[in-house]
PDB file of N, CA and C in Angstrom:
ATOM      1  N   MET A   1      -7.613  17.272  -9.164  1.00  0.00           N
ATOM      2  CA  MET A   1      -8.276  15.974  -9.092  1.00  0.00           C
ATOM      3  C   MET A   1      -7.654  15.143  -7.969  1.00  0.00           C
ATOM      4  N   ALA A   2      -8.486  14.449  -7.237  1.00  0.00           N
ATOM      5  CA  ALA A   2      -8.002  13.655  -6.098  1.00  0.00           C
ATOM      6  C   ALA A   2      -7.130  12.502  -6.578  1.00  0.00           C
ATOM      7  N   LYS A   3      -6.077  12.239  -5.831  1.00  0.00           N
ATOM      8  CA  LYS A   3      -5.207  11.102  -6.120  1.00  0.00           C
ATOM      9  C   LYS A   3      -5.931   9.817  -5.762  1.00  0.00           C
ATOM     10  N   LYS A   4      -5.780   8.794  -6.626  1.00  0.00           N
ATOM     11  CA  LYS A   4      -6.482   7.525  -6.433  1.00  0.00           C
ATOM     12  C   LYS A   4      -5.620   6.552  -5.622  1.00  0.00           C
ATOM     13  N   VAL A   5      -6.274   5.875  -4.672  1.00  0.00           N
ATOM     14  CA  VAL A   5      -5.569   4.968  -3.780  1.00  0.00           C
ATOM     15  C   VAL A   5      -6.203   3.579  -3.802  1.00  0.00           C
ATOM     16  N   LEU A   6      -5.355   2.558  -3.821  1.00  0.00           N
ATOM     17  CA  LEU A   6      -5.775   1.171  -3.645  1.00  0.00           C
ATOM     18  C   LEU A   6      -5.235   0.708  -2.295  1.00  0.00           C
ATOM     19  N   ILE A   7      -6.117   0.193  -1.449  1.00  0.00           N
ATOM     20  CA  ILE A   7      -5.725  -0.285  -0.124  1.00  0.00           C
ATOM     21  C   ILE A   7      -5.674  -1.807  -0.142  1.00  0.00           C
ATOM     22  N   VAL A   8      -4.536  -2.366   0.265  1.00  0.00           N
ATOM     23  CA  VAL A   8      -4.376  -3.818   0.303  1.00  0.00           C
ATOM     24  C   VAL A   8      -4.051  -4.238   1.738  1.00  0.00           C
ATOM     25  N   ASP A   9      -4.998  -4.927   2.366  1.00  0.00           N
ATOM     26  CA  ASP A   9      -4.799  -5.434   3.727  1.00  0.00           C
ATOM     27  C   ASP A   9      -5.839  -6.523   3.959  1.00  0.00           C
ATOM     28  N   ASP A  10      -5.449  -7.615   4.618  1.00  0.00           N
ATOM     29  CA  ASP A  10      -6.413  -8.693   4.859  1.00  0.00           C
ATOM     30  C   ASP A  10      -7.351  -8.369   6.014  1.00  0.00           C
ATOM     31  N   SER A  11      -7.042  -7.320   6.788  1.00  0.00           N
ATOM     32  CA  SER A  11      -7.895  -6.929   7.910  1.00  0.00           C
ATOM     33  C   SER A  11      -8.893  -5.855   7.484  1.00  0.00           C
ATOM     34  N   LEU A  12     -10.172  -6.166   7.609  1.00  0.00           N
ATOM     35  CA  LEU A  12     -11.218  -5.194   7.292  1.00  0.00           C
ATOM     36  C   LEU A  12     -11.061  -3.955   8.170  1.00  0.00           C
ATOM     37  N   TYR A  13     -10.701  -4.159   9.441  1.00  0.00           N
ATOM     38  CA  TYR A  13     -10.500  -3.039  10.350  1.00  0.00           C
ATOM     39  C   TYR A  13      -9.414  -2.095   9.819  1.00  0.00           C
ATOM     40  N   MET A  14      -8.279  -2.657   9.394  1.00  0.00           N
ATOM     41  CA  MET A  14      -7.183  -1.822   8.878  1.00  0.00           C
ATOM     42  C   MET A  14      -7.604  -1.113   7.581  1.00  0.00           C
ATOM     43  N   ARG A  15      -8.270  -1.838   6.689  1.00  0.00           N
ATOM     44  CA  ARG A  15      -8.707  -1.211   5.433  1.00  0.00           C
ATOM     45  C   ARG A  15      -9.638  -0.034   5.714  1.00  0.00           C
ATOM     46  N   THR A  16     -10.547  -0.233   6.658  1.00  0.00           N
ATOM     47  CA  THR A  16     -11.497   0.828   6.991  1.00  0.00           C
ATOM     48  C   THR A  16     -10.787   2.026   7.605  1.00  0.00           C
ATOM     49  N   MET A  17      -9.848   1.768   8.521  1.00  0.00           N
ATOM     50  CA  MET A  17      -9.103   2.843   9.166  1.00  0.00           C
ATOM     51  C   MET A  17      -8.309   3.651   8.129  1.00  0.00           C
ATOM     52  N   ILE A  18      -7.631   2.946   7.234  1.00  0.00           N
ATOM     53  CA  ILE A  18      -6.828   3.613   6.202  1.00  0.00           C
ATOM     54  C   ILE A  18      -7.738   4.391   5.250  1.00  0.00           C
ATOM     55  N   LYS A  19      -8.839   3.762   4.848  1.00  0.00           N
ATOM     56  CA  LYS A  19      -9.780   4.415   3.929  1.00  0.00           C
ATOM     57  C   LYS A  19     -10.322   5.702   4.534  1.00  0.00           C
ATOM     58  N   ASP A  20     -10.768   5.642   5.788  1.00  0.00           N
ATOM     59  CA  ASP A  20     -11.329   6.824   6.449  1.00  0.00           C
ATOM     60  C   ASP A  20     -10.294   7.938   6.558  1.00  0.00           C
ATOM     61  N   ALA A  21      -9.076   7.580   6.950  1.00  0.00           N
ATOM     62  CA  ALA A  21      -8.018   8.588   7.132  1.00  0.00           C
ATOM     63  C   ALA A  21      -7.658   9.250   5.808  1.00  0.00           C
ATOM     64  N   LEU A  22      -7.508   8.444   4.747  1.00  0.00           N
ATOM     65  CA  LEU A  22      -7.092   9.008   3.462  1.00  0.00           C
ATOM     66  C   LEU A  22      -8.235   9.750   2.775  1.00  0.00           C
ATOM     67  N   SER A  23      -9.467   9.263   2.939  1.00  0.00           N
ATOM     68  CA  SER A  23     -10.617   9.969   2.375  1.00  0.00           C
ATOM     69  C   SER A  23     -10.750  11.359   3.004  1.00  0.00           C
ATOM     70  N   GLU A  24     -10.590  11.416   4.332  1.00  0.00           N
ATOM     71  CA  GLU A  24     -10.649  12.700   5.035  1.00  0.00           C
ATOM     72  C   GLU A  24      -9.540  13.644   4.568  1.00  0.00           C
ATOM     73  N   ALA A  25      -8.404  13.067   4.180  1.00  0.00           N
ATOM     74  CA  ALA A  25      -7.251  13.879   3.742  1.00  0.00           C
ATOM     75  C   ALA A  25      -7.372  14.279   2.266  1.00  0.00           C
ATOM     76  N   GLY A  26      -8.476  13.880   1.608  1.00  0.00           N
ATOM     77  CA  GLY A  26      -8.709  14.316   0.237  1.00  0.00           C
ATOM     78  C   GLY A  26      -8.321  13.332  -0.844  1.00  0.00           C
ATOM     79  N   TYR A  27      -7.993  12.106  -0.461  1.00  0.00           N
ATOM     80  CA  TYR A  27      -7.656  11.078  -1.452  1.00  0.00           C
ATOM     81  C   TYR A  27      -8.909  10.287  -1.805  1.00  0.00           C
ATOM     82  N   GLU A  28      -8.914   9.735  -3.010  1.00  0.00           N
ATOM     83  CA  GLU A  28     -10.050   8.928  -3.458  1.00  0.00           C
ATOM     84  C   GLU A  28      -9.665   7.454  -3.411  1.00  0.00           C
ATOM     85  N   VAL A  29     -10.304   6.709  -2.516  1.00  0.00           N
ATOM     86  CA  VAL A  29     -10.030   5.275  -2.424  1.00  0.00           C
ATOM     87  C   VAL A  29     -10.838   4.575  -3.509  1.00  0.00           C
ATOM     88  N   VAL A  30     -10.138   4.038  -4.512  1.00  0.00           N
ATOM     89  CA  VAL A  30     -10.804   3.449  -5.677  1.00  0.00           C
ATOM     90  C   VAL A  30     -10.936   1.933  -5.568  1.00  0.00           C
ATOM     91  N   GLY A  31     -10.259   1.340  -4.591  1.00  0.00           N
ATOM     92  CA  GLY A  31     -10.371  -0.101  -4.447  1.00  0.00           C
ATOM     93  C   GLY A  31      -9.770  -0.587  -3.150  1.00  0.00           C
ATOM     94  N   GLN A  32     -10.233  -1.776  -2.730  1.00  0.00           N
ATOM     95  CA  GLN A  32      -9.699  -2.424  -1.538  1.00  0.00           C
ATOM     96  C   GLN A  32      -9.546  -3.908  -1.842  1.00  0.00           C
ATOM     97  N   ALA A  33      -8.387  -4.453  -1.488  1.00  0.00           N
ATOM     98  CA  ALA A  33      -8.131  -5.871  -1.720  1.00  0.00           C
ATOM     99  C   ALA A  33      -7.722  -6.525  -0.407  1.00  0.00           C
ATOM    100  N   ALA A  34      -8.197  -7.768  -0.208  1.00  0.00           N
ATOM    101  CA  ALA A  34      -7.892  -8.497   1.022  1.00  0.00           C
ATOM    102  C   ALA A  34      -6.835  -9.576   0.817  1.00  0.00           C
ATOM    103  N   ASN A  35      -6.414  -9.775  -0.441  1.00  0.00           N
ATOM    104  CA  ASN A  35      -5.362 -10.758  -0.694  1.00  0.00           C
ATOM    105  C   ASN A  35      -4.508 -10.324  -1.888  1.00  0.00           C
ATOM    106  N   GLY A  36      -3.413 -11.022  -2.080  1.00  0.00           N
ATOM    107  CA  GLY A  36      -2.438 -10.635  -3.090  1.00  0.00           C
ATOM    108  C   GLY A  36      -2.944 -10.745  -4.513  1.00  0.00           C
ATOM    109  N   GLU A  37      -3.663 -11.818  -4.792  1.00  0.00           N
ATOM    110  CA  GLU A  37      -4.142 -12.032  -6.158  1.00  0.00           C
ATOM    111  C   GLU A  37      -5.065 -10.898  -6.599  1.00  0.00           C
ATOM    112  N   SER A  38      -6.028 -10.547  -5.752  1.00  0.00           N
ATOM    113  CA  SER A  38      -6.936  -9.463  -6.132  1.00  0.00           C
ATOM    114  C   SER A  38      -6.207  -8.120  -6.116  1.00  0.00           C
ATOM    115  N   ALA A  39      -5.203  -7.965  -5.250  1.00  0.00           N
ATOM    116  CA  ALA A  39      -4.413  -6.728  -5.218  1.00  0.00           C
ATOM    117  C   ALA A  39      -3.730  -6.484  -6.559  1.00  0.00           C
ATOM    118  N   ILE A  40      -3.131  -7.521  -7.111  1.00  0.00           N
ATOM    119  CA  ILE A  40      -2.429  -7.392  -8.395  1.00  0.00           C
ATOM    120  C   ILE A  40      -3.432  -7.077  -9.505  1.00  0.00           C
ATOM    121  N   ASP A  41      -4.546  -7.823  -9.537  1.00  0.00           N
ATOM    122  CA  ASP A  41      -5.581  -7.576 -10.559  1.00  0.00           C
ATOM    123  C   ASP A  41      -6.096  -6.141 -10.481  1.00  0.00           C
ATOM    124  N   MET A  42      -6.407  -5.685  -9.262  1.00  0.00           N
ATOM    125  CA  MET A  42      -6.964  -4.340  -9.092  1.00  0.00           C
ATOM    126  C   MET A  42      -5.941  -3.260  -9.414  1.00  0.00           C
ATOM    127  N   ALA A  43      -4.696  -3.486  -9.039  1.00  0.00           N
ATOM    128  CA  ALA A  43      -3.647  -2.496  -9.322  1.00  0.00           C
ATOM    129  C   ALA A  43      -3.488  -2.306 -10.828  1.00  0.00           C
ATOM    130  N   LEU A  44      -3.508  -3.415 -11.571  1.00  0.00           N
ATOM    131  CA  LEU A  44      -3.345  -3.332 -13.022  1.00  0.00           C
ATOM    132  C   LEU A  44      -4.563  -2.704 -13.682  1.00  0.00           C
ATOM    133  N   GLU A  45      -5.747  -3.020 -13.163  1.00  0.00           N
ATOM    134  CA  GLU A  45      -6.978  -2.495 -13.743  1.00  0.00           C
ATOM    135  C   GLU A  45      -7.182  -1.014 -13.411  1.00  0.00           C
ATOM    136  N   LEU A  46      -6.965  -0.650 -12.141  1.00  0.00           N
ATOM    137  CA  LEU A  46      -7.296   0.701 -11.670  1.00  0.00           C
ATOM    138  C   LEU A  46      -6.160   1.706 -11.874  1.00  0.00           C
ATOM    139  N   GLN A  47      -4.913   1.208 -11.977  1.00  0.00           N
ATOM    140  CA  GLN A  47      -3.737   2.086 -12.098  1.00  0.00           C
ATOM    141  C   GLN A  47      -3.791   3.235 -11.077  1.00  0.00           C
ATOM    142  N   PRO A  48      -3.861   2.910  -9.783  1.00  0.00           N
ATOM    143  CA  PRO A  48      -3.959   3.965  -8.771  1.00  0.00           C
ATOM    144  C   PRO A  48      -2.658   4.760  -8.675  1.00  0.00           C
ATOM    145  N   ASP A  49      -2.760   5.975  -8.123  1.00  0.00           N
ATOM    146  CA  ASP A  49      -1.569   6.789  -7.901  1.00  0.00           C
ATOM    147  C   ASP A  49      -0.745   6.217  -6.751  1.00  0.00           C
ATOM    148  N   LEU A  50      -1.457   5.589  -5.795  1.00  0.00           N
ATOM    149  CA  LEU A  50      -0.805   5.066  -4.598  1.00  0.00           C
ATOM    150  C   LEU A  50      -1.438   3.744  -4.196  1.00  0.00           C
ATOM    151  N   ILE A  51      -0.594   2.828  -3.714  1.00  0.00           N
ATOM    152  CA  ILE A  51      -1.073   1.567  -3.148  1.00  0.00           C
ATOM    153  C   ILE A  51      -0.530   1.472  -1.727  1.00  0.00           C
ATOM    154  N   THR A  52      -1.422   1.257  -0.743  1.00  0.00           N
ATOM    155  CA  THR A  52      -0.954   0.909   0.593  1.00  0.00           C
ATOM    156  C   THR A  52      -0.974  -0.614   0.648  1.00  0.00           C
ATOM    157  N   LEU A  53       0.171  -1.204   0.960  1.00  0.00           N
ATOM    158  CA  LEU A  53       0.346  -2.647   0.797  1.00  0.00           C
ATOM    159  C   LEU A  53       0.782  -3.307   2.094  1.00  0.00           C
ATOM    160  N   ASP A  54      -0.111  -4.094   2.673  1.00  0.00           N
ATOM    161  CA  ASP A  54       0.222  -4.894   3.853  1.00  0.00           C
ATOM    162  C   ASP A  54       1.225  -5.953   3.415  1.00  0.00           C
ATOM    163  N   ASN A  55       2.204  -6.274   4.279  1.00  0.00           N
ATOM    164  CA  ASN A  55       3.216  -7.241   3.866  1.00  0.00           C
ATOM    165  C   ASN A  55       2.804  -8.691   4.111  1.00  0.00           C
ATOM    166  N   ILE A  56       1.883  -8.922   5.042  1.00  0.00           N
ATOM    167  CA  ILE A  56       1.476 -10.302   5.341  1.00  0.00           C
ATOM    168  C   ILE A  56       0.020 -10.489   4.925  1.00  0.00           C
ATOM    169  N   LEU A  57      -0.177 -11.199   3.821  1.00  0.00           N
ATOM    170  CA  LEU A  57      -1.519 -11.475   3.305  1.00  0.00           C
ATOM    171  C   LEU A  57      -1.735 -12.988   3.295  1.00  0.00           C
ATOM    172  N   PRO A  58      -2.993 -13.426   3.213  1.00  0.00           N
ATOM    173  CA  PRO A  58      -3.272 -14.870   3.296  1.00  0.00           C
ATOM    174  C   PRO A  58      -2.594 -15.696   2.201  1.00  0.00           C
ATOM    175  N   ASP A  59      -2.459 -15.130   0.998  1.00  0.00           N
ATOM    176  CA  ASP A  59      -1.958 -15.921  -0.125  1.00  0.00           C
ATOM    177  C   ASP A  59      -0.558 -15.530  -0.605  1.00  0.00           C
ATOM    178  N   MET A  60      -0.080 -14.357  -0.237  1.00  0.00           N
ATOM    179  CA  MET A  60       1.223 -13.877  -0.719  1.00  0.00           C
ATOM    180  C   MET A  60       1.804 -12.925   0.312  1.00  0.00           C
ATOM    181  N   ILE A  61       3.093 -12.623   0.152  1.00  0.00           N
ATOM    182  CA  ILE A  61       3.643 -11.553   0.977  1.00  0.00           C
ATOM    183  C   ILE A  61       3.799 -10.303   0.115  1.00  0.00           C
ATOM    184  N   GLY A  62       3.709  -9.156   0.783  1.00  0.00           N
ATOM    185  CA  GLY A  62       3.697  -7.873   0.082  1.00  0.00           C
ATOM    186  C   GLY A  62       4.907  -7.647  -0.808  1.00  0.00           C
ATOM    187  N   THR A  63       6.078  -8.099  -0.347  1.00  0.00           N
ATOM    188  CA  THR A  63       7.267  -7.877  -1.173  1.00  0.00           C
ATOM    189  C   THR A  63       7.174  -8.643  -2.498  1.00  0.00           C
ATOM    190  N   ASP A  64       6.527  -9.809  -2.495  1.00  0.00           N
ATOM    191  CA  ASP A  64       6.327 -10.548  -3.754  1.00  0.00           C
ATOM    192  C   ASP A  64       5.369  -9.792  -4.678  1.00  0.00           C
ATOM    193  N   ILE A  65       4.311  -9.221  -4.090  1.00  0.00           N
ATOM    194  CA  ILE A  65       3.352  -8.427  -4.872  1.00  0.00           C
ATOM    195  C   ILE A  65       4.070  -7.219  -5.465  1.00  0.00           C
ATOM    196  N   LEU A  66       4.880  -6.565  -4.634  1.00  0.00           N
ATOM    197  CA  LEU A  66       5.630  -5.391  -5.075  1.00  0.00           C
ATOM    198  C   LEU A  66       6.569  -5.754  -6.225  1.00  0.00           C
ATOM    199  N   ARG A  67       7.248  -6.894  -6.093  1.00  0.00           N
ATOM    200  CA  ARG A  67       8.174  -7.352  -7.141  1.00  0.00           C
ATOM    201  C   ARG A  67       7.414  -7.542  -8.461  1.00  0.00           C
ATOM    202  N   ILE A  68       6.253  -8.178  -8.400  1.00  0.00           N
ATOM    203  CA  ILE A  68       5.453  -8.420  -9.609  1.00  0.00           C
ATOM    204  C   ILE A  68       5.007  -7.092 -10.228  1.00  0.00           C
ATOM    205  N   LEU A  69       4.477  -6.192  -9.405  1.00  0.00           N
ATOM    206  CA  LEU A  69       3.945  -4.928  -9.933  1.00  0.00           C
ATOM    207  C   LEU A  69       5.039  -4.024 -10.484  1.00  0.00           C
ATOM    208  N   LYS A  70       6.171  -3.948  -9.803  1.00  0.00           N
ATOM    209  CA  LYS A  70       7.222  -3.006 -10.193  1.00  0.00           C
ATOM    210  C   LYS A  70       8.156  -3.579 -11.258  1.00  0.00           C
ATOM    211  N   THR A  71       8.442  -4.875 -11.190  1.00  0.00           N
ATOM    212  CA  THR A  71       9.435  -5.476 -12.086  1.00  0.00           C
ATOM    213  C   THR A  71       8.790  -6.058 -13.336  1.00  0.00           C
ATOM    214  N   GLU A  72       7.753  -6.883 -13.133  1.00  0.00           N
ATOM    215  CA  GLU A  72       7.145  -7.551 -14.283  1.00  0.00           C
ATOM    216  C   GLU A  72       6.156  -6.646 -15.002  1.00  0.00           C
ATOM    217  N   GLU A  73       5.339  -5.930 -14.242  1.00  0.00           N
ATOM    218  CA  GLU A  73       4.286  -5.115 -14.852  1.00  0.00           C
ATOM    219  C   GLU A  73       4.706  -3.658 -15.040  1.00  0.00           C
ATOM    220  N   GLU A  74       5.774  -3.250 -14.349  1.00  0.00           N
ATOM    221  CA  GLU A  74       6.292  -1.885 -14.420  1.00  0.00           C
ATOM    222  C   GLU A  74       5.208  -0.834 -14.174  1.00  0.00           C
ATOM    223  N   ILE A  75       4.429  -1.067 -13.136  1.00  0.00           N
ATOM    224  CA  ILE A  75       3.345  -0.162 -12.778  1.00  0.00           C
ATOM    225  C   ILE A  75       3.931   1.151 -12.229  1.00  0.00           C
ATOM    226  N   GLU A  76       3.242   2.248 -12.486  1.00  0.00           N
ATOM    227  CA  GLU A  76       3.726   3.573 -12.088  1.00  0.00           C
ATOM    228  C   GLU A  76       3.352   3.951 -10.658  1.00  0.00           C
ATOM    229  N   SER A  77       2.390   3.238 -10.068  1.00  0.00           N
ATOM    230  CA  SER A  77       1.880   3.593  -8.737  1.00  0.00           C
ATOM    231  C   SER A  77       2.996   3.675  -7.708  1.00  0.00           C
ATOM    232  N   ARG A  78       2.864   4.648  -6.806  1.00  0.00           N
ATOM    233  CA  ARG A  78       3.738   4.686  -5.637  1.00  0.00           C
ATOM    234  C   ARG A  78       3.176   3.676  -4.650  1.00  0.00           C
ATOM    235  N   VAL A  79       4.060   3.101  -3.834  1.00  0.00           N
ATOM    236  CA  VAL A  79       3.633   2.064  -2.885  1.00  0.00           C
ATOM    237  C   VAL A  79       4.163   2.381  -1.495  1.00  0.00           C
ATOM    238  N   ILE A  80       3.267   2.318  -0.498  1.00  0.00           N
ATOM    239  CA  ILE A  80       3.677   2.376   0.904  1.00  0.00           C
ATOM    240  C   ILE A  80       3.437   0.993   1.485  1.00  0.00           C
ATOM    241  N   MET A  81       4.500   0.357   1.933  1.00  0.00           N
ATOM    242  CA  MET A  81       4.370  -0.931   2.613  1.00  0.00           C
ATOM    243  C   MET A  81       3.910  -0.665   4.046  1.00  0.00           C
ATOM    244  N   ILE A  82       3.005  -1.508   4.530  1.00  0.00           N
ATOM    245  CA  ILE A  82       2.519  -1.397   5.898  1.00  0.00           C
ATOM    246  C   ILE A  82       2.592  -2.786   6.506  1.00  0.00           C
ATOM    247  N   SER A  83       3.280  -2.912   7.654  1.00  0.00           N
ATOM    248  CA  SER A  83       3.399  -4.235   8.235  1.00  0.00           C
ATOM    249  C   SER A  83       3.694  -4.178   9.712  1.00  0.00           C
ATOM    250  N   ALA A  84       3.314  -5.243  10.399  1.00  0.00           N
ATOM    251  CA  ALA A  84       3.691  -5.404  11.800  1.00  0.00           C
ATOM    252  C   ALA A  84       5.141  -5.878  11.882  1.00  0.00           C
ATOM    253  N   VAL A  85       5.671  -6.356  10.765  1.00  0.00           N
ATOM    254  CA  VAL A  85       7.054  -6.831  10.720  1.00  0.00           C
ATOM    255  C   VAL A  85       7.962  -5.644  10.428  1.00  0.00           C
ATOM    256  N   GLY A  86       8.727  -5.234  11.437  1.00  0.00           N
ATOM    257  CA  GLY A  86       9.590  -4.072  11.263  1.00  0.00           C
ATOM    258  C   GLY A  86      11.059  -4.423  11.157  1.00  0.00           C
ATOM    259  N   GLN A  87      11.362  -5.701  10.884  1.00  0.00           N
ATOM    260  CA  GLN A  87      12.767  -6.099  10.766  1.00  0.00           C
ATOM    261  C   GLN A  87      13.417  -5.307   9.641  1.00  0.00           C
ATOM    262  N   GLN A  88      14.629  -4.817   9.892  1.00  0.00           N
ATOM    263  CA  GLN A  88      15.311  -3.973   8.920  1.00  0.00           C
ATOM    264  C   GLN A  88      15.494  -4.672   7.580  1.00  0.00           C
ATOM    265  N   SER A  89      15.735  -5.976   7.592  1.00  0.00           N
ATOM    266  CA  SER A  89      15.940  -6.697   6.330  1.00  0.00           C
ATOM    267  C   SER A  89      14.675  -6.673   5.475  1.00  0.00           C
ATOM    268  N   VAL A  90      13.517  -6.807   6.126  1.00  0.00           N
ATOM    269  CA  VAL A  90      12.240  -6.781   5.406  1.00  0.00           C
ATOM    270  C   VAL A  90      11.946  -5.375   4.899  1.00  0.00           C
ATOM    271  N   VAL A  91      12.192  -4.373   5.751  1.00  0.00           N
ATOM    272  CA  VAL A  91      12.015  -2.972   5.353  1.00  0.00           C
ATOM    273  C   VAL A  91      12.902  -2.665   4.147  1.00  0.00           C
ATOM    274  N   ASN A  92      14.170  -3.057   4.235  1.00  0.00           N
ATOM    275  CA  ASN A  92      15.112  -2.800   3.135  1.00  0.00           C
ATOM    276  C   ASN A  92      14.680  -3.480   1.848  1.00  0.00           C
ATOM    277  N   GLU A  93      14.193  -4.722   1.954  1.00  0.00           N
ATOM    278  CA  GLU A  93      13.737  -5.443   0.758  1.00  0.00           C
ATOM    279  C   GLU A  93      12.604  -4.678   0.084  1.00  0.00           C
ATOM    280  N   GLY A  94      11.629  -4.224   0.890  1.00  0.00           N
ATOM    281  CA  GLY A  94      10.513  -3.455   0.344  1.00  0.00           C
ATOM    282  C   GLY A  94      10.980  -2.194  -0.360  1.00  0.00           C
ATOM    283  N   LEU A  95      11.874  -1.457   0.284  1.00  0.00           N
ATOM    284  CA  LEU A  95      12.370  -0.207  -0.305  1.00  0.00           C
ATOM    285  C   LEU A  95      13.207  -0.482  -1.560  1.00  0.00           C
ATOM    286  N   ASN A  96      14.015  -1.549  -1.520  1.00  0.00           N
ATOM    287  CA  ASN A  96      14.830  -1.903  -2.691  1.00  0.00           C
ATOM    288  C   ASN A  96      13.975  -2.318  -3.885  1.00  0.00           C
ATOM    289  N   LEU A  97      12.790  -2.880  -3.614  1.00  0.00           N
ATOM    290  CA  LEU A  97      11.897  -3.314  -4.685  1.00  0.00           C
ATOM    291  C   LEU A  97      11.067  -2.162  -5.243  1.00  0.00           C
ATOM    292  N   GLY A  98      11.196  -0.973  -4.642  1.00  0.00           N
ATOM    293  CA  GLY A  98      10.509   0.177  -5.207  1.00  0.00           C
ATOM    294  C   GLY A  98       9.446   0.816  -4.333  1.00  0.00           C
ATOM    295  N   ALA A  99       9.284   0.338  -3.088  1.00  0.00           N
ATOM    296  CA  ALA A  99       8.339   1.003  -2.186  1.00  0.00           C
ATOM    297  C   ALA A  99       8.866   2.400  -1.867  1.00  0.00           C
ATOM    298  N   SER A 100       7.958   3.360  -1.748  1.00  0.00           N
ATOM    299  CA  SER A 100       8.353   4.732  -1.427  1.00  0.00           C
ATOM    300  C   SER A 100       8.539   4.929   0.071  1.00  0.00           C
ATOM    301  N   ASP A 101       7.876   4.093   0.863  1.00  0.00           N
ATOM    302  CA  ASP A 101       7.970   4.212   2.315  1.00  0.00           C
ATOM    303  C   ASP A 101       7.548   2.887   2.932  1.00  0.00           C
ATOM    304  N   TYR A 102       7.835   2.737   4.226  1.00  0.00           N
ATOM    305  CA  TYR A 102       7.500   1.513   4.947  1.00  0.00           C
ATOM    306  C   TYR A 102       7.031   1.931   6.331  1.00  0.00           C
ATOM    307  N   ILE A 103       5.781   1.664   6.650  1.00  0.00           N
ATOM    308  CA  ILE A 103       5.201   2.042   7.937  1.00  0.00           C
ATOM    309  C   ILE A 103       4.996   0.779   8.764  1.00  0.00           C
ATOM    310  N   VAL A 104       5.457   0.821  10.007  1.00  0.00           N
ATOM    311  CA  VAL A 104       5.324  -0.340  10.886  1.00  0.00           C
ATOM    312  C   VAL A 104       4.100  -0.165  11.785  1.00  0.00           C
ATOM    313  N   LYS A 105       3.250  -1.214  11.830  1.00  0.00           N
ATOM    314  CA  LYS A 105       2.091  -1.234  12.726  1.00  0.00           C
ATOM    315  C   LYS A 105       2.579  -1.445  14.158  1.00  0.00           C
ATOM    316  N   PRO A 106       1.923  -0.871  15.155  1.00  0.00           N
ATOM    317  CA  PRO A 106       0.796   0.037  15.017  1.00  0.00           C
ATOM    318  C   PRO A 106       1.266   1.446  14.656  1.00  0.00           C
ATOM    319  N   PHE A 107       0.412   2.178  13.948  1.00  0.00           N
ATOM    320  CA  PHE A 107       0.730   3.551  13.565  1.00  0.00           C
ATOM    321  C   PHE A 107      -0.521   4.392  13.755  1.00  0.00           C
ATOM    322  N   THR A 108      -0.342   5.716  13.800  1.00  0.00           N
ATOM    323  CA  THR A 108      -1.500   6.597  13.931  1.00  0.00           C
ATOM    324  C   THR A 108      -1.953   7.015  12.537  1.00  0.00           C
ATOM    325  N   THR A 109      -3.202   7.425  12.423  1.00  0.00           N
ATOM    326  CA  THR A 109      -3.683   7.904  11.123  1.00  0.00           C
ATOM    327  C   THR A 109      -2.900   9.147  10.710  1.00  0.00           C
ATOM    328  N   GLU A 110      -2.444   9.943  11.687  1.00  0.00           N
ATOM    329  CA  GLU A 110      -1.640  11.126  11.373  1.00  0.00           C
ATOM    330  C   GLU A 110      -0.331  10.717  10.697  1.00  0.00           C
ATOM    331  N   GLN A 111       0.315   9.668  11.222  1.00  0.00           N
ATOM    332  CA  GLN A 111       1.567   9.187  10.619  1.00  0.00           C
ATOM    333  C   GLN A 111       1.332   8.726   9.184  1.00  0.00           C
ATOM    334  N   LEU A 112       0.221   8.025   8.984  1.00  0.00           N
ATOM    335  CA  LEU A 112      -0.111   7.522   7.659  1.00  0.00           C
ATOM    336  C   LEU A 112      -0.329   8.669   6.674  1.00  0.00           C
ATOM    337  N   VAL A 113      -1.180   9.610   7.047  1.00  0.00           N
ATOM    338  CA  VAL A 113      -1.505  10.731   6.155  1.00  0.00           C
ATOM    339  C   VAL A 113      -0.254  11.561   5.866  1.00  0.00           C
ATOM    340  N   GLU A 114       0.584  11.755   6.880  1.00  0.00           N
ATOM    341  CA  GLU A 114       1.831  12.502   6.691  1.00  0.00           C
ATOM    342  C   GLU A 114       2.730  11.807   5.658  1.00  0.00           C
ATOM    343  N   ALA A 115       2.858  10.498   5.779  1.00  0.00           N
ATOM    344  CA  ALA A 115       3.692   9.731   4.839  1.00  0.00           C
ATOM    345  C   ALA A 115       3.111   9.799   3.425  1.00  0.00           C
ATOM    346  N   VAL A 116       1.798   9.649   3.303  1.00  0.00           N
ATOM    347  CA  VAL A 116       1.151   9.694   1.990  1.00  0.00           C
ATOM    348  C   VAL A 116       1.312  11.081   1.362  1.00  0.00           C
ATOM    349  N   ASN A 117       1.075  12.117   2.150  1.00  0.00           N
ATOM    350  CA  ASN A 117       1.230  13.486   1.625  1.00  0.00           C
ATOM    351  C   ASN A 117       2.654  13.749   1.146  1.00  0.00           C
ATOM    352  N   ARG A 118       3.624  13.251   1.914  1.00  0.00           N
ATOM    353  CA  ARG A 118       5.043  13.448   1.556  1.00  0.00           C
ATOM    354  C   ARG A 118       5.353  12.743   0.220  1.00  0.00           C
ATOM    355  N   ILE A 119       4.886  11.514   0.093  1.00  0.00           N
ATOM    356  CA  ILE A 119       5.173  10.730  -1.112  1.00  0.00           C
ATOM    357  C   ILE A 119       4.452  11.291  -2.344  1.00  0.00           C
ATOM    358  N   MET A 120       3.239  11.779  -2.149  1.00  0.00           N
ATOM    359  CA  MET A 120       2.444  12.234  -3.285  1.00  0.00           C
ATOM    360  C   MET A 120       2.721  13.687  -3.669  1.00  0.00           C
ATOM    361  N   ALA A 121       3.513  14.379  -2.845  1.00  0.00           N
ATOM    362  CA  ALA A 121       3.804  15.801  -3.125  1.00  0.00           C
ATOM    363  C   ALA A 121       4.666  15.948  -4.376  1.00  0.00           C
TER     364      ALA A 121
END
């Protein structure tokens, strides 16, 4: 059965790129969220195997969403943080909060699929 993915990014272009790449790689994209509030609601409702999480959203930052999902809700989903912010402190915070990986924009679809395959293996 295909692994279920929730894509969280405020950019429609990024969501589409990620969706196309992961769908081609055999993953089932079950939801897309453009902000933190809907990301949390969808993650709890859909219980995806994987969440790709942009760190800069209009209403929240990804590390806060990650903290809520992993600490308060104790969700089982694996999370890949995706951000244009590649500062080591931000990367470390994401990983310390339970992210499985952190990808810095810009990235290739090959890099994304490779990271997802590694985490989901």
